[in-house]
């Protein structure tokens, strides 16, 4: 299955997760479904996420580090966790329009409630098998890049 975007343009996804294995699995899952229209970027913690989004430090080059069309966010990261980063994103006039999907190992009701209270677009518990992850990524990609209209 080749993932297509509604306007046939490349879509930028920024994935924030401190686990290198999870980052690798997400990359492999996107490769599995076809990613020629997906530009996938990674950061390892909430501080780097905010530096990327604000084009600070090593992320100052806006061509190399474009504004994402979608953020995939792990909740439990060092330095600044996903909850703190989500609050900063949704409190920012410049960033709040970017959809954020929490993709985490947690299925705790308090994490789900607090994420939605902070303005998350969706909350997904990471699947345990690679096959289920591919299906999740396929559904996520279809929804966010083929069905909904995202702001320019």
N, C-alpha and C. Protein backbone atom coordinates (compact mmCIF):
# COMPACT_ATOMS: atom_id res chain seq x y z
N UNK A 1 0.84 -1.18 0.00
CA UNK A 1 0.00 0.00 0.00
C UNK A 1 0.88 1.23 0.00
N UNK A 2 0.68 2.10 -0.92
CA UNK A 2 1.42 3.35 -0.99
C UNK A 2 0.57 4.46 -0.38
N UNK A 3 1.10 5.13 0.61
CA UNK A 3 0.39 6.23 1.25
C UNK A 3 0.45 7.45 0.35
N UNK A 4 -0.69 8.01 0.03
CA UNK A 4 -0.76 9.22 -0.79
C UNK A 4 -1.28 10.36 0.07
N UNK A 5 -0.87 11.57 -0.25
CA UNK A 5 -1.38 12.72 0.46
C UNK A 5 -2.49 13.35 -0.37
N UNK A 6 -3.43 14.02 0.30
CA UNK A 6 -4.59 14.55 -0.39
C UNK A 6 -4.21 15.59 -1.44
N UNK A 7 -3.14 16.34 -1.20
CA UNK A 7 -2.73 17.36 -2.17
C UNK A 7 -1.48 16.94 -2.93
N UNK A 8 -1.10 15.66 -2.80
CA UNK A 8 0.05 15.09 -3.52
C UNK A 8 1.37 15.79 -3.19
N UNK A 9 1.43 16.43 -2.03
CA UNK A 9 2.68 17.05 -1.58
C UNK A 9 3.28 16.22 -0.45
N UNK A 10 4.56 16.43 -0.23
CA UNK A 10 5.24 15.75 0.86
C UNK A 10 4.71 16.26 2.20
N UNK A 11 4.52 15.35 3.14
CA UNK A 11 4.06 15.71 4.47
C UNK A 11 5.19 15.45 5.46
N UNK A 12 5.35 16.38 6.39
CA UNK A 12 6.42 16.29 7.38
C UNK A 12 5.85 15.77 8.69
N UNK A 13 6.43 14.68 9.18
CA UNK A 13 6.07 14.12 10.48
C UNK A 13 7.29 14.24 11.38
N UNK A 14 7.08 14.77 12.58
CA UNK A 14 8.12 14.85 13.59
C UNK A 14 7.75 13.89 14.70
N UNK A 15 8.64 12.92 14.97
CA UNK A 15 8.41 11.91 15.99
C UNK A 15 9.35 12.15 17.16
N UNK A 16 8.78 12.40 18.35
CA UNK A 16 9.56 12.64 19.55
C UNK A 16 9.47 11.42 20.46
N UNK A 17 10.59 10.71 20.61
CA UNK A 17 10.64 9.51 21.44
C UNK A 17 12.08 9.25 21.84
N UNK A 18 12.32 8.98 23.11
CA UNK A 18 13.68 8.77 23.59
C UNK A 18 14.20 7.35 23.33
N UNK A 19 13.32 6.43 22.94
CA UNK A 19 13.73 5.04 22.74
C UNK A 19 14.18 4.82 21.29
N UNK A 20 15.48 4.54 21.08
CA UNK A 20 15.98 4.36 19.71
C UNK A 20 15.30 3.19 18.99
N UNK A 21 14.93 2.15 19.70
CA UNK A 21 14.26 1.03 19.07
C UNK A 21 12.87 1.43 18.58
N UNK A 22 12.15 2.22 19.37
CA UNK A 22 10.83 2.69 18.95
C UNK A 22 10.94 3.60 17.72
N UNK A 23 11.95 4.45 17.71
CA UNK A 23 12.15 5.33 16.53
C UNK A 23 12.43 4.48 15.29
N UNK A 24 13.28 3.46 15.43
CA UNK A 24 13.61 2.58 14.31
C UNK A 24 12.36 1.83 13.84
N UNK A 25 11.55 1.33 14.76
CA UNK A 25 10.34 0.59 14.39
C UNK A 25 9.34 1.49 13.66
N UNK A 26 9.19 2.73 14.11
CA UNK A 26 8.30 3.66 13.42
C UNK A 26 8.80 3.92 12.00
N UNK A 27 10.11 4.13 11.88
CA UNK A 27 10.67 4.35 10.55
C UNK A 27 10.41 3.14 9.65
N UNK A 28 10.65 1.95 10.17
CA UNK A 28 10.41 0.72 9.39
C UNK A 28 8.93 0.56 9.04
N UNK A 29 8.05 0.93 9.96
CA UNK A 29 6.61 0.83 9.69
C UNK A 29 6.20 1.77 8.57
N UNK A 30 6.73 3.00 8.57
CA UNK A 30 6.43 3.92 7.48
C UNK A 30 7.03 3.43 6.16
N UNK A 31 8.21 2.84 6.22
CA UNK A 31 8.81 2.28 5.00
C UNK A 31 7.95 1.13 4.46
N UNK A 32 7.39 0.35 5.37
CA UNK A 32 6.56 -0.79 4.99
C UNK A 32 5.32 -0.35 4.20
N UNK A 33 4.75 0.81 4.56
CA UNK A 33 3.53 1.25 3.88
C UNK A 33 3.83 2.17 2.70
N UNK A 34 5.07 2.59 2.55
CA UNK A 34 5.43 3.47 1.43
C UNK A 34 5.47 4.91 1.89
N UNK A 35 6.65 5.51 1.86
CA UNK A 35 6.81 6.84 2.44
C UNK A 35 7.40 7.86 1.48
N UNK A 36 7.22 7.70 0.20
CA UNK A 36 7.85 8.67 -0.69
C UNK A 36 7.24 10.06 -0.53
N UNK A 37 6.07 10.16 0.07
CA UNK A 37 5.44 11.46 0.31
C UNK A 37 5.54 11.87 1.78
N UNK A 38 6.24 11.08 2.59
CA UNK A 38 6.39 11.38 4.01
C UNK A 38 7.85 11.72 4.29
N UNK A 39 8.05 12.87 4.93
CA UNK A 39 9.36 13.32 5.35
C UNK A 39 9.40 13.17 6.87
N UNK A 40 10.03 12.10 7.35
CA UNK A 40 10.02 11.74 8.76
C UNK A 40 11.25 12.27 9.47
N UNK A 41 11.03 13.02 10.56
CA UNK A 41 12.11 13.58 11.36
C UNK A 41 11.97 13.06 12.79
N UNK A 42 13.09 13.00 13.50
CA UNK A 42 13.11 12.45 14.85
C UNK A 42 13.81 13.39 15.82
N UNK A 43 13.29 13.45 17.04
CA UNK A 43 13.98 14.07 18.17
C UNK A 43 13.87 13.11 19.34
N UNK A 44 14.79 13.23 20.31
CA UNK A 44 14.91 12.24 21.37
C UNK A 44 14.32 12.66 22.71
N UNK A 45 13.92 13.91 22.85
CA UNK A 45 13.33 14.35 24.11
C UNK A 45 12.52 15.62 23.88
N UNK A 46 11.79 16.02 24.93
CA UNK A 46 10.92 17.18 24.83
C UNK A 46 11.65 18.49 24.61
N UNK A 47 12.86 18.60 25.16
CA UNK A 47 13.64 19.82 24.93
C UNK A 47 14.00 19.96 23.46
N UNK A 48 14.50 18.87 22.86
CA UNK A 48 14.83 18.91 21.43
C UNK A 48 13.59 19.14 20.58
N UNK A 49 12.46 18.59 21.00
CA UNK A 49 11.21 18.82 20.28
C UNK A 49 10.92 20.32 20.23
N UNK A 50 11.01 20.99 21.35
CA UNK A 50 10.71 22.42 21.39
C UNK A 50 11.77 23.23 20.64
N UNK A 51 13.04 22.82 20.72
CA UNK A 51 14.09 23.50 19.94
C UNK A 51 13.81 23.34 18.45
N UNK A 52 13.42 22.13 18.02
CA UNK A 52 13.09 21.89 16.62
C UNK A 52 11.94 22.80 16.20
N UNK A 53 10.85 22.78 16.96
CA UNK A 53 9.66 23.54 16.59
C UNK A 53 9.91 25.05 16.57
N UNK A 54 10.82 25.50 17.42
CA UNK A 54 11.13 26.94 17.48
C UNK A 54 12.36 27.31 16.66
N UNK A 55 12.91 26.33 15.93
CA UNK A 55 14.10 26.51 15.08
C UNK A 55 15.26 27.15 15.85
N UNK A 56 15.58 26.52 16.97
CA UNK A 56 16.65 26.99 17.83
C UNK A 56 17.85 26.05 17.76
N UNK A 57 19.04 26.61 17.96
CA UNK A 57 20.26 25.82 18.03
C UNK A 57 20.49 25.00 16.79
N UNK A 58 20.73 23.70 16.97
CA UNK A 58 21.04 22.81 15.85
C UNK A 58 19.88 22.67 14.87
N UNK A 59 18.68 23.14 15.24
CA UNK A 59 17.49 23.02 14.38
C UNK A 59 17.14 24.35 13.70
N UNK A 60 18.09 25.26 13.61
CA UNK A 60 17.78 26.59 13.08
C UNK A 60 17.56 26.61 11.57
N UNK A 61 18.05 25.63 10.84
CA UNK A 61 17.89 25.58 9.39
C UNK A 61 16.48 25.08 9.06
N UNK A 62 15.61 25.99 8.61
CA UNK A 62 14.21 25.63 8.37
C UNK A 62 14.02 24.73 7.15
N UNK A 63 14.98 24.69 6.25
CA UNK A 63 14.87 23.76 5.12
C UNK A 63 15.20 22.34 5.56
N UNK A 64 16.20 22.21 6.40
CA UNK A 64 16.58 20.88 6.90
C UNK A 64 15.60 20.39 7.97
N UNK A 65 15.01 21.33 8.71
CA UNK A 65 14.09 20.99 9.80
C UNK A 65 12.78 21.76 9.62
N UNK A 66 11.97 21.35 8.63
CA UNK A 66 10.73 22.08 8.33
C UNK A 66 9.68 21.93 9.42
N UNK A 67 8.76 22.87 9.45
CA UNK A 67 7.64 22.79 10.39
C UNK A 67 6.85 21.52 10.08
N UNK A 68 6.57 20.70 11.08
CA UNK A 68 5.87 19.45 10.81
C UNK A 68 4.38 19.67 10.54
N UNK A 69 3.82 18.77 9.73
CA UNK A 69 2.38 18.74 9.50
C UNK A 69 1.69 17.95 10.61
N UNK A 70 2.48 17.08 11.28
CA UNK A 70 1.96 16.22 12.33
C UNK A 70 3.11 15.89 13.29
N UNK A 71 2.80 15.90 14.58
CA UNK A 71 3.77 15.51 15.60
C UNK A 71 3.29 14.22 16.25
N UNK A 72 4.16 13.22 16.29
CA UNK A 72 3.92 11.99 17.06
C UNK A 72 4.73 12.14 18.34
N UNK A 73 4.10 11.97 19.48
CA UNK A 73 4.72 12.35 20.75
C UNK A 73 4.63 11.23 21.78
N UNK A 74 5.79 10.82 22.28
CA UNK A 74 5.83 9.92 23.42
C UNK A 74 5.66 10.76 24.68
N UNK A 75 5.01 10.22 25.68
CA UNK A 75 4.80 10.99 26.91
C UNK A 75 6.00 10.96 27.84
N UNK A 76 6.67 9.81 27.94
CA UNK A 76 7.72 9.64 28.94
C UNK A 76 9.09 9.76 28.30
N UNK A 77 9.64 10.98 28.38
CA UNK A 77 10.96 11.27 27.82
C UNK A 77 11.77 12.05 28.84
N UNK A 78 13.09 12.00 28.71
CA UNK A 78 13.94 12.76 29.64
C UNK A 78 13.93 14.25 29.31
N UNK A 79 14.52 15.01 30.21
CA UNK A 79 14.69 16.46 30.11
C UNK A 79 13.36 17.20 30.19
N UNK A 80 12.48 16.98 29.24
CA UNK A 80 11.13 17.55 29.25
C UNK A 80 10.21 16.46 28.72
N UNK A 81 9.24 16.06 29.53
CA UNK A 81 8.40 14.96 29.06
C UNK A 81 7.36 15.45 28.06
N UNK A 82 6.65 14.49 27.48
CA UNK A 82 5.68 14.81 26.44
C UNK A 82 4.55 15.70 26.91
N UNK A 83 4.16 15.57 28.16
CA UNK A 83 3.08 16.39 28.70
C UNK A 83 3.49 17.86 28.74
N UNK A 84 4.72 18.11 29.21
CA UNK A 84 5.22 19.48 29.27
C UNK A 84 5.35 20.07 27.87
N UNK A 85 5.87 19.27 26.94
CA UNK A 85 6.03 19.74 25.56
C UNK A 85 4.67 20.01 24.93
N UNK A 86 3.71 19.11 25.15
CA UNK A 86 2.37 19.29 24.61
C UNK A 86 1.75 20.59 25.12
N UNK A 87 1.90 20.86 26.40
CA UNK A 87 1.37 22.11 26.97
C UNK A 87 2.00 23.32 26.29
N UNK A 88 3.32 23.29 26.10
CA UNK A 88 4.01 24.41 25.44
C UNK A 88 3.53 24.58 24.00
N UNK A 89 3.36 23.48 23.29
CA UNK A 89 2.91 23.54 21.90
C UNK A 89 1.52 24.17 21.83
N UNK A 90 0.61 23.71 22.66
CA UNK A 90 -0.77 24.18 22.60
C UNK A 90 -0.93 25.58 23.20
N UNK A 91 0.03 26.03 24.01
CA UNK A 91 0.01 27.40 24.54
C UNK A 91 0.62 28.40 23.56
N UNK A 92 1.25 27.91 22.50
CA UNK A 92 1.94 28.79 21.55
C UNK A 92 1.05 29.13 20.36
N UNK A 93 0.86 30.42 20.11
CA UNK A 93 0.08 30.85 18.95
C UNK A 93 0.68 30.32 17.65
N UNK A 94 2.00 30.23 17.59
CA UNK A 94 2.68 29.81 16.36
C UNK A 94 2.62 28.30 16.13
N UNK A 95 2.40 27.52 17.19
CA UNK A 95 2.49 26.06 17.09
C UNK A 95 1.18 25.31 17.30
N UNK A 96 0.21 25.93 17.95
CA UNK A 96 -0.99 25.20 18.38
C UNK A 96 -1.78 24.57 17.25
N UNK A 97 -1.60 25.07 16.02
CA UNK A 97 -2.34 24.51 14.88
C UNK A 97 -1.82 23.14 14.43
N UNK A 98 -0.61 22.77 14.88
CA UNK A 98 -0.03 21.49 14.46
C UNK A 98 -0.71 20.36 15.23
N UNK A 99 -1.30 19.39 14.52
CA UNK A 99 -1.91 18.26 15.22
C UNK A 99 -0.84 17.44 15.93
N UNK A 100 -1.16 17.03 17.16
CA UNK A 100 -0.26 16.20 17.95
C UNK A 100 -0.98 14.91 18.29
N UNK A 101 -0.33 13.79 17.97
CA UNK A 101 -0.85 12.48 18.30
C UNK A 101 0.10 11.87 19.32
N UNK A 102 -0.43 11.58 20.51
CA UNK A 102 0.37 10.88 21.51
C UNK A 102 0.46 9.42 21.09
N UNK A 103 1.69 8.93 21.03
CA UNK A 103 1.97 7.53 20.69
C UNK A 103 2.89 7.02 21.80
N UNK A 104 2.32 6.30 22.75
CA UNK A 104 3.04 5.97 23.97
C UNK A 104 2.71 4.56 24.44
N UNK A 105 3.52 4.04 25.34
CA UNK A 105 3.25 2.72 25.90
C UNK A 105 2.15 2.77 26.96
N UNK A 106 1.86 3.94 27.47
CA UNK A 106 0.87 4.09 28.53
C UNK A 106 -0.55 3.88 28.01
N UNK A 107 -1.35 3.26 28.84
CA UNK A 107 -2.79 3.23 28.59
C UNK A 107 -3.52 3.65 29.85
N UNK A 108 -2.80 4.38 30.72
CA UNK A 108 -3.37 4.85 31.98
C UNK A 108 -4.42 5.91 31.70
N UNK A 109 -5.56 5.77 32.34
CA UNK A 109 -6.67 6.71 32.15
C UNK A 109 -6.24 8.15 32.45
N UNK A 110 -5.41 8.35 33.48
CA UNK A 110 -4.96 9.71 33.81
C UNK A 110 -4.11 10.31 32.69
N UNK A 111 -3.30 9.50 32.00
CA UNK A 111 -2.51 9.99 30.86
C UNK A 111 -3.42 10.35 29.69
N UNK A 112 -4.42 9.53 29.45
CA UNK A 112 -5.37 9.80 28.37
C UNK A 112 -6.13 11.10 28.67
N UNK A 113 -6.68 11.21 29.87
CA UNK A 113 -7.44 12.40 30.25
C UNK A 113 -6.58 13.67 30.19
N UNK A 114 -5.38 13.59 30.77
CA UNK A 114 -4.54 14.80 30.81
C UNK A 114 -4.08 15.19 29.41
N UNK A 115 -3.81 14.21 28.54
CA UNK A 115 -3.39 14.52 27.17
C UNK A 115 -4.50 15.26 26.41
N UNK A 116 -5.72 14.75 26.54
CA UNK A 116 -6.84 15.43 25.86
C UNK A 116 -7.11 16.80 26.48
N UNK A 117 -6.94 16.92 27.80
CA UNK A 117 -7.12 18.22 28.46
C UNK A 117 -6.11 19.24 27.96
N UNK A 118 -4.91 18.75 27.62
CA UNK A 118 -3.86 19.65 27.13
C UNK A 118 -4.00 19.94 25.63
N UNK A 119 -4.92 19.26 24.94
CA UNK A 119 -5.17 19.59 23.55
C UNK A 119 -4.66 18.61 22.52
N UNK A 120 -4.32 17.39 22.92
CA UNK A 120 -3.85 16.40 21.96
C UNK A 120 -4.97 16.07 20.97
N UNK A 121 -4.59 15.78 19.74
CA UNK A 121 -5.57 15.44 18.71
C UNK A 121 -6.03 13.98 18.82
N UNK A 122 -5.13 13.09 19.19
CA UNK A 122 -5.43 11.67 19.34
C UNK A 122 -4.46 11.06 20.35
N UNK A 123 -4.89 9.99 20.98
CA UNK A 123 -4.05 9.26 21.93
C UNK A 123 -4.04 7.80 21.50
N UNK A 124 -2.85 7.28 21.21
CA UNK A 124 -2.70 5.90 20.76
C UNK A 124 -1.69 5.19 21.65
N UNK A 125 -2.08 4.03 22.16
CA UNK A 125 -1.14 3.19 22.90
C UNK A 125 -0.36 2.38 21.87
N UNK A 126 0.97 2.40 21.98
CA UNK A 126 1.82 1.69 21.02
C UNK A 126 1.48 0.21 21.00
N UNK A 127 1.26 -0.33 19.80
CA UNK A 127 1.02 -1.76 19.68
C UNK A 127 2.28 -2.55 20.05
N UNK A 128 2.09 -3.78 20.50
CA UNK A 128 3.24 -4.58 20.92
C UNK A 128 3.92 -5.30 19.76
N UNK A 129 3.18 -5.66 18.73
CA UNK A 129 3.81 -6.37 17.61
C UNK A 129 4.10 -5.41 16.46
N UNK A 130 5.10 -5.77 15.66
CA UNK A 130 5.44 -4.94 14.51
C UNK A 130 4.30 -4.90 13.50
N UNK A 131 3.63 -6.01 13.28
CA UNK A 131 2.50 -6.05 12.35
C UNK A 131 1.39 -5.10 12.78
N UNK A 132 1.10 -5.08 14.06
CA UNK A 132 0.07 -4.16 14.58
C UNK A 132 0.54 -2.71 14.46
N UNK A 133 1.84 -2.47 14.64
CA UNK A 133 2.38 -1.12 14.48
C UNK A 133 2.23 -0.66 13.03
N UNK A 134 2.52 -1.53 12.09
CA UNK A 134 2.36 -1.19 10.66
C UNK A 134 0.90 -0.83 10.38
N UNK A 135 -0.04 -1.61 10.91
CA UNK A 135 -1.46 -1.32 10.71
C UNK A 135 -1.84 0.02 11.34
N UNK A 136 -1.30 0.31 12.52
CA UNK A 136 -1.57 1.58 13.18
C UNK A 136 -1.03 2.74 12.35
N UNK A 137 0.20 2.61 11.86
CA UNK A 137 0.82 3.66 11.04
C UNK A 137 0.03 3.83 9.74
N UNK A 138 -0.41 2.75 9.15
CA UNK A 138 -1.20 2.80 7.92
C UNK A 138 -2.49 3.59 8.16
N UNK A 139 -3.18 3.27 9.24
CA UNK A 139 -4.43 3.95 9.58
C UNK A 139 -4.17 5.41 9.91
N UNK A 140 -3.15 5.66 10.69
CA UNK A 140 -2.76 7.03 11.05
C UNK A 140 -2.45 7.85 9.81
N UNK A 141 -1.63 7.28 8.92
CA UNK A 141 -1.27 7.99 7.69
C UNK A 141 -2.48 8.24 6.81
N UNK A 142 -3.32 7.25 6.66
CA UNK A 142 -4.52 7.41 5.82
C UNK A 142 -5.40 8.52 6.39
N UNK A 143 -5.62 8.49 7.69
CA UNK A 143 -6.48 9.50 8.30
C UNK A 143 -5.91 10.90 8.17
N UNK A 144 -4.65 11.08 8.62
CA UNK A 144 -4.08 12.43 8.69
C UNK A 144 -3.66 12.98 7.34
N UNK A 145 -3.38 12.12 6.36
CA UNK A 145 -2.86 12.64 5.10
C UNK A 145 -3.74 12.40 3.89
N UNK A 146 -4.78 11.57 4.04
CA UNK A 146 -5.69 11.36 2.91
C UNK A 146 -7.09 11.86 3.20
N UNK A 147 -7.51 11.81 4.46
CA UNK A 147 -8.90 12.12 4.78
C UNK A 147 -9.08 13.55 5.29
N UNK A 148 -8.33 13.95 6.30
CA UNK A 148 -8.54 15.29 6.88
C UNK A 148 -7.82 16.37 6.08
N UNK A 149 -8.31 17.57 6.23
CA UNK A 149 -7.66 18.75 5.67
C UNK A 149 -6.83 19.40 6.77
N UNK A 150 -5.54 19.55 6.53
CA UNK A 150 -4.65 20.18 7.49
C UNK A 150 -4.41 21.64 7.09
N UNK A 151 -4.19 22.52 8.07
CA UNK A 151 -3.90 23.90 7.73
C UNK A 151 -2.55 24.02 7.02
N UNK A 152 -2.46 24.98 6.14
CA UNK A 152 -1.20 25.22 5.42
C UNK A 152 -0.27 26.05 6.27
